[in-house]
Amino acid sequence: MKAFRLDELEAERAANEGAYLQFLREQNMSVGLYALDAGDQDPQKPHNQDEVYFVVSGRAAITVGLETTQVARGSVIYVPAGVAHKFHHITEDLRVLVVFSPPES
């Protein structure tokens, strides 16, 4: 078993001064913590893996392909591999768990 605490992951991510911290990598998936502060621009480009986002905290909009929706704590978003997507209009610091399958390269 592997267990993680969000507060410890956030501290590690912040100490590394990056928006993304991969904290689990297995044969069929990887999991990370993604952070964007209010007003930030999301620099993401489409990935070669399917993704699931789980919003831990914050408020924003996300556009996936041609669809846009508002997200907040508790939102779950699926993004198919290769589809353009970005968080935007981030009004509260956003913290998101990201699951890639297969693992992010």
C-alpha atoms as a PDB file:
ATOM      1  CA  MET A   1       0.000   0.000   0.000  1.00  0.00           C
ATOM      2  CA  LYS A   2       1.015   3.576  -0.609  1.00  0.00           C
ATOM      3  CA  ALA A   3      -0.729   6.426   1.199  1.00  0.00           C
ATOM      4  CA  PHE A   4      -0.334  10.167   0.758  1.00  0.00           C
ATOM      5  CA  ARG A   5      -1.413  13.347   2.552  1.00  0.00           C
ATOM      6  CA  LEU A   6      -2.435  16.296   0.419  1.00  0.00           C
ATOM      7  CA  ASP A   7      -0.842  18.843   2.757  1.00  0.00           C
ATOM      8  CA  GLU A   8       2.519  17.037   2.511  1.00  0.00           C
ATOM      9  CA  LEU A   9       2.234  16.743  -1.285  1.00  0.00           C
ATOM     10  CA  GLU A  10       1.426  20.448  -1.564  1.00  0.00           C
ATOM     11  CA  ALA A  11       4.436  21.340   0.598  1.00  0.00           C
ATOM     12  CA  GLU A  12       6.715  19.164  -1.548  1.00  0.00           C
ATOM     13  CA  ARG A  13       5.303  20.643  -4.769  1.00  0.00           C
ATOM     14  CA  ALA A  14       5.797  24.191  -3.476  1.00  0.00           C
ATOM     15  CA  ALA A  15       9.355  23.433  -2.312  1.00  0.00           C
ATOM     16  CA  ASN A  16      10.188  22.214  -5.816  1.00  0.00           C
ATOM     17  CA  GLU A  17       8.795  25.481  -7.229  1.00  0.00           C
ATOM     18  CA  GLY A  18       6.810  23.736  -9.934  1.00  0.00           C
ATOM     19  CA  ALA A  19       3.134  23.612 -10.826  1.00  0.00           C
ATOM     20  CA  TYR A  20       3.122  19.803 -11.051  1.00  0.00           C
ATOM     21  CA  LEU A  21       4.346  17.074  -8.708  1.00  0.00           C
ATOM     22  CA  GLN A  22       4.120  13.455  -9.811  1.00  0.00           C
ATOM     23  CA  PHE A  23       3.912  11.421  -6.616  1.00  0.00           C
ATOM     24  CA  LEU A  24       2.911   7.974  -7.844  1.00  0.00           C
ATOM     25  CA  ARG A  25       3.960   6.053 -10.929  1.00  0.00           C
ATOM     26  CA  GLU A  26       2.894   2.487 -11.649  1.00  0.00           C
ATOM     27  CA  GLN A  27       2.788   0.328 -14.745  1.00  0.00           C
ATOM     28  CA  ASN A  28      -0.684   1.451 -15.859  1.00  0.00           C
ATOM     29  CA  MET A  29      -1.028   4.946 -14.401  1.00  0.00           C
ATOM     30  CA  SER A  30       0.628   7.906 -12.764  1.00  0.00           C
ATOM     31  CA  VAL A  31      -0.830  10.417 -10.309  1.00  0.00           C
ATOM     32  CA  GLY A  32       0.215  13.964  -9.585  1.00  0.00           C
ATOM     33  CA  LEU A  33      -0.799  17.204  -7.940  1.00  0.00           C
ATOM     34  CA  TYR A  34      -1.285  20.203 -10.258  1.00  0.00           C
ATOM     35  CA  ALA A  35      -1.440  23.734  -8.875  1.00  0.00           C
ATOM     36  CA  LEU A  36      -2.467  26.980 -10.529  1.00  0.00           C
ATOM     37  CA  ASP A  37      -2.943  30.141  -8.499  1.00  0.00           C
ATOM     38  CA  ALA A  38      -5.756  32.621  -9.058  1.00  0.00           C
ATOM     39  CA  GLY A  39      -5.097  34.559 -12.240  1.00  0.00           C
ATOM     40  CA  ASP A  40      -2.475  32.104 -13.575  1.00  0.00           C
ATOM     41  CA  GLN A  41      -2.408  30.934 -17.190  1.00  0.00           C
ATOM     42  CA  ASP A  42      -2.516  27.168 -17.750  1.00  0.00           C
ATOM     43  CA  PRO A  43       0.366  26.233 -20.098  1.00  0.00           C
ATOM     44  CA  GLN A  44      -0.814  22.667 -20.793  1.00  0.00           C
ATOM     45  CA  LYS A  45      -0.693  21.079 -24.207  1.00  0.00           C
ATOM     46  CA  PRO A  46      -2.612  17.912 -25.153  1.00  0.00           C
ATOM     47  CA  HIS A  47      -1.205  14.738 -23.628  1.00  0.00           C
ATOM     48  CA  ASN A  48      -0.783  11.300 -25.157  1.00  0.00           C
ATOM     49  CA  GLN A  49      -2.602   9.709 -22.215  1.00  0.00           C
ATOM     50  CA  ASP A  50      -6.171   9.730 -20.961  1.00  0.00           C
ATOM     51  CA  GLU A  51      -6.506  11.967 -17.899  1.00  0.00           C
ATOM     52  CA  VAL A  52      -8.854  12.318 -14.977  1.00  0.00           C
ATOM     53  CA  TYR A  53      -8.797  15.535 -12.948  1.00  0.00           C
ATOM     54  CA  PHE A  54     -10.201  15.696  -9.416  1.00  0.00           C
ATOM     55  CA  VAL A  55     -10.457  19.259  -8.095  1.00  0.00           C
ATOM     56  CA  VAL A  56      -9.313  19.310  -4.472  1.00  0.00           C
ATOM     57  CA  SER A  57      -9.772  23.061  -3.994  1.00  0.00           C
ATOM     58  CA  GLY A  58     -10.260  26.280  -5.908  1.00  0.00           C
ATOM     59  CA  ARG A  59     -12.510  27.600  -8.657  1.00  0.00           C
ATOM     60  CA  ALA A  60     -11.960  27.914 -12.383  1.00  0.00           C
ATOM     61  CA  ALA A  61     -13.333  27.067 -15.782  1.00  0.00           C
ATOM     62  CA  ILE A  62     -11.948  24.296 -17.962  1.00  0.00           C
ATOM     63  CA  THR A  63     -12.279  23.937 -21.690  1.00  0.00           C
ATOM     64  CA  VAL A  64     -11.880  20.452 -23.141  1.00  0.00           C
ATOM     65  CA  GLY A  65     -12.077  20.430 -26.909  1.00  0.00           C
ATOM     66  CA  LEU A  66     -15.012  22.756 -27.648  1.00  0.00           C
ATOM     67  CA  GLU A  67     -16.777  22.298 -24.295  1.00  0.00           C
ATOM     68  CA  THR A  68     -16.366  24.602 -21.292  1.00  0.00           C
ATOM     69  CA  THR A  69     -17.580  24.049 -17.738  1.00  0.00           C
ATOM     70  CA  GLN A  70     -17.050  25.598 -14.326  1.00  0.00           C
ATOM     71  CA  VAL A  71     -15.146  23.519 -11.791  1.00  0.00           C
ATOM     72  CA  ALA A  72     -14.746  23.711  -8.022  1.00  0.00           C
ATOM     73  CA  ARG A  73     -13.917  21.421  -5.110  1.00  0.00           C
ATOM     74  CA  GLY A  74     -15.241  17.940  -5.849  1.00  0.00           C
ATOM     75  CA  SER A  75     -15.417  18.300  -9.646  1.00  0.00           C
ATOM     76  CA  VAL A  76     -14.159  15.354 -11.703  1.00  0.00           C
ATOM     77  CA  ILE A  77     -13.204  15.863 -15.354  1.00  0.00           C
ATOM     78  CA  TYR A  78     -12.209  13.254 -17.922  1.00  0.00           C
ATOM     79  CA  VAL A  79      -9.963  14.347 -20.820  1.00  0.00           C
ATOM     80  CA  PRO A  80      -9.336  11.848 -23.636  1.00  0.00           C
ATOM     81  CA  ALA A  81      -5.794  11.465 -24.948  1.00  0.00           C
ATOM     82  CA  GLY A  82      -4.823  14.058 -27.541  1.00  0.00           C
ATOM     83  CA  VAL A  83      -7.655  16.517 -26.813  1.00  0.00           C
ATOM     84  CA  ALA A  84      -6.720  20.167 -26.171  1.00  0.00           C
ATOM     85  CA  HIS A  85      -7.684  21.357 -22.688  1.00  0.00           C
ATOM     86  CA  LYS A  86      -6.923  24.252 -20.351  1.00  0.00           C
ATOM     87  CA  PHE A  87      -8.030  25.642 -17.029  1.00  0.00           C
ATOM     88  CA  HIS A  88      -8.843  29.358 -17.249  1.00  0.00           C
ATOM     89  CA  HIS A  89     -10.625  32.128 -15.370  1.00  0.00           C
ATOM     90  CA  ILE A  90      -9.022  30.807 -12.192  1.00  0.00           C
ATOM     91  CA  THR A  91     -10.665  32.830  -9.440  1.00  0.00           C
ATOM     92  CA  GLU A  92      -9.427  30.799  -6.436  1.00  0.00           C
ATOM     93  CA  ASP A  93      -6.100  28.951  -6.134  1.00  0.00           C
ATOM     94  CA  LEU A  94      -6.649  25.635  -7.891  1.00  0.00           C
ATOM     95  CA  ARG A  95      -5.287  22.300  -6.620  1.00  0.00           C
ATOM     96  CA  VAL A  96      -6.064  19.278  -8.757  1.00  0.00           C
ATOM     97  CA  LEU A  97      -5.186  15.586  -8.542  1.00  0.00           C
ATOM     98  CA  VAL A  98      -4.331  14.269 -12.008  1.00  0.00           C
ATOM     99  CA  VAL A  99      -4.434  10.604 -12.993  1.00  0.00           C
ATOM    100  CA  PHE A 100      -2.744   9.674 -16.284  1.00  0.00           C
ATOM    101  CA  SER A 101      -3.324   6.296 -17.914  1.00  0.00           C
ATOM    102  CA  PRO A 102      -0.998   4.970 -19.120  1.00  0.00           C
ATOM    103  CA  PRO A 103       1.611   6.779 -17.009  1.00  0.00           C
ATOM    104  CA  GLU A 104       2.742  10.228 -18.115  1.00  0.00           C
ATOM    105  CA  SER A 105       5.982   9.990 -20.061  1.00  0.00           C
END
